[in-house]
Amino acid sequence: MHWREVYERGGRLRSYSMGKKMVGKWFVHPDECCLDLPEPDGGCFEVGASGERVVLKPTGLGLAVDGVLRSLAQGE
């Protein structure tokens, strides 16, 4: 696993990538999920999901991100 994002209630976002932790916010803006993180990690995305699989496609430039949804154990 090279990255992990934790979307918390209330809009708090914790992002872990290659050993680096960032804290930001997430919010829904019309039909997109937007991440308030430093460039190049932030931005707005169209979201597609099927079961546990999720795809985030940037509304601007960039490649789509494919991932798996998991619930966290209590306390994480």
PDB file of N, CA and C in Angstrom:
ATOM      1  N   MET A   1       0.848  -1.172   0.000  1.00  0.00           N
ATOM      2  CA  MET A   1       0.000   0.000   0.000  1.00  0.00           C
ATOM      3  C   MET A   1       0.894   1.235   0.000  1.00  0.00           C
ATOM      4  N   HIS A   2       0.684   2.098  -0.960  1.00  0.00           N
ATOM      5  CA  HIS A   2       1.475   3.323  -1.050  1.00  0.00           C
ATOM      6  C   HIS A   2       0.746   4.535  -0.495  1.00  0.00           C
ATOM      7  N   TRP A   3      -0.566   4.466  -0.387  1.00  0.00           N
ATOM      8  CA  TRP A   3      -1.301   5.587   0.157  1.00  0.00           C
ATOM      9  C   TRP A   3      -2.584   5.112   0.839  1.00  0.00           C
ATOM     10  N   ARG A   4      -3.075   5.951   1.712  1.00  0.00           N
ATOM     11  CA  ARG A   4      -4.310   5.663   2.445  1.00  0.00           C
ATOM     12  C   ARG A   4      -4.930   6.998   2.805  1.00  0.00           C
ATOM     13  N   GLU A   5      -6.232   7.096   2.645  1.00  0.00           N
ATOM     14  CA  GLU A   5      -6.951   8.297   3.034  1.00  0.00           C
ATOM     15  C   GLU A   5      -8.051   7.914   3.999  1.00  0.00           C
ATOM     16  N   VAL A   6      -8.183   8.695   5.070  1.00  0.00           N
ATOM     17  CA  VAL A   6      -9.211   8.455   6.074  1.00  0.00           C
ATOM     18  C   VAL A   6     -10.156   9.655   6.046  1.00  0.00           C
ATOM     19  N   TYR A   7     -11.390   9.409   5.604  1.00  0.00           N
ATOM     20  CA  TYR A   7     -12.416  10.444   5.524  1.00  0.00           C
ATOM     21  C   TYR A   7     -13.246  10.377   6.802  1.00  0.00           C
ATOM     22  N   GLU A   8     -13.106  11.375   7.649  1.00  0.00           N
ATOM     23  CA  GLU A   8     -13.801  11.367   8.930  1.00  0.00           C
ATOM     24  C   GLU A   8     -15.086  12.178   8.857  1.00  0.00           C
ATOM     25  N   ARG A   9     -15.995  11.870   9.766  1.00  0.00           N
ATOM     26  CA  ARG A   9     -17.214  12.668   9.876  1.00  0.00           C
ATOM     27  C   ARG A   9     -16.826  14.109  10.172  1.00  0.00           C
ATOM     28  N   GLY A  10     -17.615  15.017   9.682  1.00  0.00           N
ATOM     29  CA  GLY A  10     -17.327  16.429   9.919  1.00  0.00           C
ATOM     30  C   GLY A  10     -16.367  17.016   8.895  1.00  0.00           C
ATOM     31  N   GLY A  11     -15.886  16.200   7.945  1.00  0.00           N
ATOM     32  CA  GLY A  11     -15.056  16.715   6.870  1.00  0.00           C
ATOM     33  C   GLY A  11     -13.557  16.676   7.086  1.00  0.00           C
ATOM     34  N   ARG A  12     -13.076  16.107   8.185  1.00  0.00           N
ATOM     35  CA  ARG A  12     -11.622  16.015   8.391  1.00  0.00           C
ATOM     36  C   ARG A  12     -11.069  14.883   7.533  1.00  0.00           C
ATOM     37  N   LEU A  13      -9.908  15.117   6.927  1.00  0.00           N
ATOM     38  CA  LEU A  13      -9.258  14.142   6.063  1.00  0.00           C
ATOM     39  C   LEU A  13      -7.830  13.928   6.529  1.00  0.00           C
ATOM     40  N   ARG A  14      -7.465  12.659   6.705  1.00  0.00           N
ATOM     41  CA  ARG A  14      -6.065  12.303   6.983  1.00  0.00           C
ATOM     42  C   ARG A  14      -5.565  11.505   5.803  1.00  0.00           C
ATOM     43  N   SER A  15      -4.432  11.924   5.242  1.00  0.00           N
ATOM     44  CA  SER A  15      -3.864  11.271   4.070  1.00  0.00           C
ATOM     45  C   SER A  15      -2.456  10.801   4.395  1.00  0.00           C
ATOM     46  N   TYR A  16      -2.166   9.557   4.051  1.00  0.00           N
ATOM     47  CA  TYR A  16      -0.846   8.976   4.280  1.00  0.00           C
ATOM     48  C   TYR A  16      -0.308   8.510   2.930  1.00  0.00           C
ATOM     49  N   SER A  17       0.861   8.999   2.556  1.00  0.00           N
ATOM     50  CA  SER A  17       1.441   8.630   1.269  1.00  0.00           C
ATOM     51  C   SER A  17       2.944   8.512   1.398  1.00  0.00           C
ATOM     52  N   MET A  18       3.470   7.317   1.107  1.00  0.00           N
ATOM     53  CA  MET A  18       4.910   7.063   1.150  1.00  0.00           C
ATOM     54  C   MET A  18       5.530   7.534   2.470  1.00  0.00           C
ATOM     55  N   GLY A  19       4.862   7.243   3.592  1.00  0.00           N
ATOM     56  CA  GLY A  19       5.367   7.583   4.909  1.00  0.00           C
ATOM     57  C   GLY A  19       5.113   9.017   5.345  1.00  0.00           C
ATOM     58  N   LYS A  20       4.450   9.818   4.528  1.00  0.00           N
ATOM     59  CA  LYS A  20       4.184  11.222   4.843  1.00  0.00           C
ATOM     60  C   LYS A  20       2.705  11.391   5.197  1.00  0.00           C
ATOM     61  N   LYS A  21       2.428  12.082   6.313  1.00  0.00           N
ATOM     62  CA  LYS A  21       1.052  12.318   6.743  1.00  0.00           C
ATOM     63  C   LYS A  21       0.661  13.764   6.441  1.00  0.00           C
ATOM     64  N   MET A  22      -0.538  13.936   5.874  1.00  0.00           N
ATOM     65  CA  MET A  22      -1.098  15.265   5.657  1.00  0.00           C
ATOM     66  C   MET A  22      -2.496  15.283   6.268  1.00  0.00           C
ATOM     67  N   VAL A  23      -2.881  16.432   6.777  1.00  0.00           N
ATOM     68  CA  VAL A  23      -4.228  16.607   7.318  1.00  0.00           C
ATOM     69  C   VAL A  23      -4.895  17.726   6.532  1.00  0.00           C
ATOM     70  N   GLY A  24      -6.113  17.494   6.124  1.00  0.00           N
ATOM     71  CA  GLY A  24      -6.858  18.486   5.364  1.00  0.00           C
ATOM     72  C   GLY A  24      -8.336  18.312   5.601  1.00  0.00           C
ATOM     73  N   LYS A  25      -9.122  18.702   4.613  1.00  0.00           N
ATOM     74  CA  LYS A  25     -10.571  18.601   4.702  1.00  0.00           C
ATOM     75  C   LYS A  25     -11.123  17.996   3.420  1.00  0.00           C
ATOM     76  N   TRP A  26     -12.284  17.369   3.531  1.00  0.00           N
ATOM     77  CA  TRP A  26     -12.998  16.894   2.357  1.00  0.00           C
ATOM     78  C   TRP A  26     -14.406  17.463   2.413  1.00  0.00           C
ATOM     79  N   PHE A  27     -14.993  17.683   1.234  1.00  0.00           N
ATOM     80  CA  PHE A  27     -16.351  18.184   1.166  1.00  0.00           C
ATOM     81  C   PHE A  27     -16.937  17.822  -0.195  1.00  0.00           C
ATOM     82  N   VAL A  28     -18.254  17.834  -0.262  1.00  0.00           N
ATOM     83  CA  VAL A  28     -18.945  17.550  -1.515  1.00  0.00           C
ATOM     84  C   VAL A  28     -19.386  18.870  -2.103  1.00  0.00           C
ATOM     85  N   HIS A  29     -19.028  19.081  -3.365  1.00  0.00           N
ATOM     86  CA  HIS A  29     -19.373  20.318  -4.072  1.00  0.00           C
ATOM     87  C   HIS A  29     -20.073  19.913  -5.354  1.00  0.00           C
ATOM     88  N   PRO A  30     -21.283  20.381  -5.606  1.00  0.00           N
ATOM     89  CA  PRO A  30     -22.317  19.780  -6.419  1.00  0.00           C
ATOM     90  C   PRO A  30     -22.218  18.254  -6.521  1.00  0.00           C
ATOM     91  N   ASP A  31     -21.598  17.715  -7.526  1.00  0.00           N
ATOM     92  CA  ASP A  31     -21.555  16.255  -7.701  1.00  0.00           C
ATOM     93  C   ASP A  31     -20.133  15.725  -7.624  1.00  0.00           C
ATOM     94  N   GLU A  32     -19.271  16.390  -6.892  1.00  0.00           N
ATOM     95  CA  GLU A  32     -17.859  16.006  -6.813  1.00  0.00           C
ATOM     96  C   GLU A  32     -17.421  15.903  -5.363  1.00  0.00           C
ATOM     97  N   CYS A  33     -16.427  15.069  -5.123  1.00  0.00           N
ATOM     98  CA  CYS A  33     -15.771  15.011  -3.822  1.00  0.00           C
ATOM     99  C   CYS A  33     -14.505  15.860  -3.940  1.00  0.00           C
ATOM    100  N   CYS A  34     -14.395  16.876  -3.095  1.00  0.00           N
ATOM    101  CA  CYS A  34     -13.249  17.779  -3.158  1.00  0.00           C
ATOM    102  C   CYS A  34     -12.361  17.584  -1.938  1.00  0.00           C
ATOM    103  N   LEU A  35     -11.042  17.584  -2.184  1.00  0.00           N
ATOM    104  CA  LEU A  35     -10.056  17.404  -1.128  1.00  0.00           C
ATOM    105  C   LEU A  35      -9.264  18.685  -0.976  1.00  0.00           C
ATOM    106  N   ASP A  36      -9.253  19.220   0.231  1.00  0.00           N
ATOM    107  CA  ASP A  36      -8.486  20.423   0.529  1.00  0.00           C
ATOM    108  C   ASP A  36      -7.152  19.974   1.130  1.00  0.00           C
ATOM    109  N   LEU A  37      -6.205  19.672   0.236  1.00  0.00           N
ATOM    110  CA  LEU A  37      -4.854  19.241   0.593  1.00  0.00           C
ATOM    111  C   LEU A  37      -3.867  20.047  -0.249  1.00  0.00           C
ATOM    112  N   PRO A  38      -2.604  20.119   0.165  1.00  0.00           N
ATOM    113  CA  PRO A  38      -1.609  20.824  -0.647  1.00  0.00           C
ATOM    114  C   PRO A  38      -1.478  20.191  -2.042  1.00  0.00           C
ATOM    115  N   GLU A  39      -1.141  21.015  -3.026  1.00  0.00           N
ATOM    116  CA  GLU A  39      -0.892  20.519  -4.388  1.00  0.00           C
ATOM    117  C   GLU A  39       0.256  19.523  -4.360  1.00  0.00           C
ATOM    118  N   PRO A  40       0.238  18.514  -5.152  1.00  0.00           N
ATOM    119  CA  PRO A  40      -0.742  18.172  -6.179  1.00  0.00           C
ATOM    120  C   PRO A  40      -1.834  17.238  -5.682  1.00  0.00           C
ATOM    121  N   ASP A  41      -1.984  17.076  -4.371  1.00  0.00           N
ATOM    122  CA  ASP A  41      -2.893  16.069  -3.826  1.00  0.00           C
ATOM    123  C   ASP A  41      -4.340  16.531  -3.709  1.00  0.00           C
ATOM    124  N   GLY A  42      -4.571  17.836  -3.696  1.00  0.00           N
ATOM    125  CA  GLY A  42      -5.925  18.349  -3.563  1.00  0.00           C
ATOM    126  C   GLY A  42      -6.644  18.411  -4.886  1.00  0.00           C
ATOM    127  N   GLY A  43      -7.889  18.849  -4.834  1.00  0.00           N
ATOM    128  CA  GLY A  43      -8.690  19.011  -6.040  1.00  0.00           C
ATOM    129  C   GLY A  43     -10.036  18.343  -5.906  1.00  0.00           C
ATOM    130  N   CYS A  44     -10.813  18.424  -6.974  1.00  0.00           N
ATOM    131  CA  CYS A  44     -12.151  17.830  -6.983  1.00  0.00           C
ATOM    132  C   CYS A  44     -12.186  16.643  -7.935  1.00  0.00           C
ATOM    133  N   PHE A  45     -13.008  15.653  -7.588  1.00  0.00           N
ATOM    134  CA  PHE A  45     -13.042  14.393  -8.305  1.00  0.00           C
ATOM    135  C   PHE A  45     -14.475  13.927  -8.531  1.00  0.00           C
ATOM    136  N   GLU A  46     -14.719  13.334  -9.694  1.00  0.00           N
ATOM    137  CA  GLU A  46     -15.946  12.579  -9.926  1.00  0.00           C
ATOM    138  C   GLU A  46     -15.712  11.220  -9.268  1.00  0.00           C
ATOM    139  N   VAL A  47     -16.727  10.699  -8.598  1.00  0.00           N
ATOM    140  CA  VAL A  47     -16.572   9.442  -7.870  1.00  0.00           C
ATOM    141  C   VAL A  47     -17.441   8.364  -8.504  1.00  0.00           C
ATOM    142  N   GLY A  48     -16.835   7.218  -8.765  1.00  0.00           N
ATOM    143  CA  GLY A  48     -17.562   6.051  -9.231  1.00  0.00           C
ATOM    144  C   GLY A  48     -17.301   4.912  -8.264  1.00  0.00           C
ATOM    145  N   ALA A  49     -18.334   4.128  -7.956  1.00  0.00           N
ATOM    146  CA  ALA A  49     -18.157   3.041  -6.994  1.00  0.00           C
ATOM    147  C   ALA A  49     -18.951   1.821  -7.425  1.00  0.00           C
ATOM    148  N   SER A  50     -18.391   0.656  -7.107  1.00  0.00           N
ATOM    149  CA  SER A  50     -19.057  -0.622  -7.328  1.00  0.00           C
ATOM    150  C   SER A  50     -18.613  -1.551  -6.212  1.00  0.00           C
ATOM    151  N   GLY A  51     -19.520  -1.831  -5.282  1.00  0.00           N
ATOM    152  CA  GLY A  51     -19.142  -2.627  -4.120  1.00  0.00           C
ATOM    153  C   GLY A  51     -18.092  -1.892  -3.306  1.00  0.00           C
ATOM    154  N   GLU A  52     -16.968  -2.542  -3.014  1.00  0.00           N
ATOM    155  CA  GLU A  52     -15.877  -1.910  -2.259  1.00  0.00           C
ATOM    156  C   GLU A  52     -14.930  -1.110  -3.150  1.00  0.00           C
ATOM    157  N   ARG A  53     -15.032  -1.259  -4.464  1.00  0.00           N
ATOM    158  CA  ARG A  53     -14.138  -0.566  -5.398  1.00  0.00           C
ATOM    159  C   ARG A  53     -14.610   0.861  -5.601  1.00  0.00           C
ATOM    160  N   VAL A  54     -13.672   1.790  -5.644  1.00  0.00           N
ATOM    161  CA  VAL A  54     -13.990   3.197  -5.880  1.00  0.00           C
ATOM    162  C   VAL A  54     -12.960   3.776  -6.847  1.00  0.00           C
ATOM    163  N   VAL A  55     -13.419   4.666  -7.721  1.00  0.00           N
ATOM    164  CA  VAL A  55     -12.542   5.346  -8.660  1.00  0.00           C
ATOM    165  C   VAL A  55     -12.767   6.843  -8.506  1.00  0.00           C
ATOM    166  N   LEU A  56     -11.686   7.585  -8.286  1.00  0.00           N
ATOM    167  CA  LEU A  56     -11.739   9.047  -8.217  1.00  0.00           C
ATOM    168  C   LEU A  56     -11.116   9.585  -9.502  1.00  0.00           C
ATOM    169  N   LYS A  57     -11.915  10.260 -10.305  1.00  0.00           N
ATOM    170  CA  LYS A  57     -11.439  10.820 -11.572  1.00  0.00           C
ATOM    171  C   LYS A  57     -11.373  12.332 -11.426  1.00  0.00           C
ATOM    172  N   PRO A  58     -10.175  12.928 -11.560  1.00  0.00           N
ATOM    173  CA  PRO A  58     -10.069  14.373 -11.389  1.00  0.00           C
ATOM    174  C   PRO A  58     -10.896  15.122 -12.432  1.00  0.00           C
ATOM    175  N   THR A  59     -11.498  16.237 -12.007  1.00  0.00           N
ATOM    176  CA  THR A  59     -12.285  17.032 -12.939  1.00  0.00           C
ATOM    177  C   THR A  59     -11.379  17.866 -13.840  1.00  0.00           C
ATOM    178  N   GLY A  60     -10.131  18.041 -13.446  1.00  0.00           N
ATOM    179  CA  GLY A  60      -9.150  18.745 -14.265  1.00  0.00           C
ATOM    180  C   GLY A  60      -8.146  17.753 -14.826  1.00  0.00           C
ATOM    181  N   LEU A  61      -6.906  18.173 -14.905  1.00  0.00           N
ATOM    182  CA  LEU A  61      -5.844  17.300 -15.392  1.00  0.00           C
ATOM    183  C   LEU A  61      -5.478  16.267 -14.344  1.00  0.00           C
ATOM    184  N   GLY A  62      -4.962  15.147 -14.786  1.00  0.00           N
ATOM    185  CA  GLY A  62      -4.506  14.119 -13.857  1.00  0.00           C
ATOM    186  C   GLY A  62      -5.104  12.765 -14.171  1.00  0.00           C
ATOM    187  N   LEU A  63      -4.540  11.758 -13.543  1.00  0.00           N
ATOM    188  CA  LEU A  63      -4.987  10.380 -13.749  1.00  0.00           C
ATOM    189  C   LEU A  63      -6.010   9.983 -12.697  1.00  0.00           C
ATOM    190  N   ALA A  64      -6.875   9.060 -13.053  1.00  0.00           N
ATOM    191  CA  ALA A  64      -7.860   8.529 -12.116  1.00  0.00           C
ATOM    192  C   ALA A  64      -7.157   7.695 -11.048  1.00  0.00           C
ATOM    193  N   VAL A  65      -7.735   7.664  -9.862  1.00  0.00           N
ATOM    194  CA  VAL A  65      -7.205   6.889  -8.741  1.00  0.00           C
ATOM    195  C   VAL A  65      -8.193   5.771  -8.447  1.00  0.00           C
ATOM    196  N   ASP A  66      -7.700   4.546  -8.403  1.00  0.00           N
ATOM    197  CA  ASP A  66      -8.513   3.373  -8.138  1.00  0.00           C
ATOM    198  C   ASP A  66      -8.204   2.884  -6.730  1.00  0.00           C
ATOM    199  N   GLY A  67      -9.225   2.593  -5.940  1.00  0.00           N
ATOM    200  CA  GLY A  67      -8.978   2.158  -4.572  1.00  0.00           C
ATOM    201  C   GLY A  67     -10.060   1.223  -4.056  1.00  0.00           C
ATOM    202  N   VAL A  68      -9.950   0.880  -2.783  1.00  0.00           N
ATOM    203  CA  VAL A  68     -10.869  -0.022  -2.102  1.00  0.00           C
ATOM    204  C   VAL A  68     -11.361   0.673  -0.832  1.00  0.00           C
ATOM    205  N   LEU A  69     -12.664   0.638  -0.593  1.00  0.00           N
ATOM    206  CA  LEU A  69     -13.227   1.223   0.617  1.00  0.00           C
ATOM    207  C   LEU A  69     -13.155   0.212   1.744  1.00  0.00           C
ATOM    208  N   ARG A  70     -12.720   0.646   2.898  1.00  0.00           N
ATOM    209  CA  ARG A  70     -12.658  -0.196   4.092  1.00  0.00           C
ATOM    210  C   ARG A  70     -13.133   0.627   5.291  1.00  0.00           C
ATOM    211  N   SER A  71     -13.813  -0.005   6.215  1.00  0.00           N
ATOM    212  CA  SER A  71     -14.164   0.683   7.456  1.00  0.00           C
ATOM    213  C   SER A  71     -13.006   0.479   8.434  1.00  0.00           C
ATOM    214  N   LEU A  72     -12.779   1.474   9.268  1.00  0.00           N
ATOM    215  CA  LEU A  72     -11.686   1.399  10.248  1.00  0.00           C
ATOM    216  C   LEU A  72     -12.184   0.753  11.531  1.00  0.00           C
ATOM    217  N   ALA A  73     -11.282   0.058  12.204  1.00  0.00           N
ATOM    218  CA  ALA A  73     -11.598  -0.462  13.522  1.00  0.00           C
ATOM    219  C   ALA A  73     -11.776   0.736  14.452  1.00  0.00           C
ATOM    220  N   GLN A  74     -12.650   0.604  15.424  1.00  0.00           N
ATOM    221  CA  GLN A  74     -12.888   1.713  16.349  1.00  0.00           C
ATOM    222  C   GLN A  74     -11.576   2.118  17.025  1.00  0.00           C
ATOM    223  N   GLY A  75     -11.344   3.420  17.103  1.00  0.00           N
ATOM    224  CA  GLY A  75     -10.123   3.925  17.732  1.00  0.00           C
ATOM    225  C   GLY A  75      -9.044   4.310  16.752  1.00  0.00           C
ATOM    226  N   GLU A  76      -9.197   4.008  15.470  1.00  0.00           N
ATOM    227  CA  GLU A  76      -8.186   4.400  14.485  1.00  0.00           C
ATOM    228  C   GLU A  76      -8.439   5.788  13.990  1.00  0.00           C
TER     229      GLU A  76
END
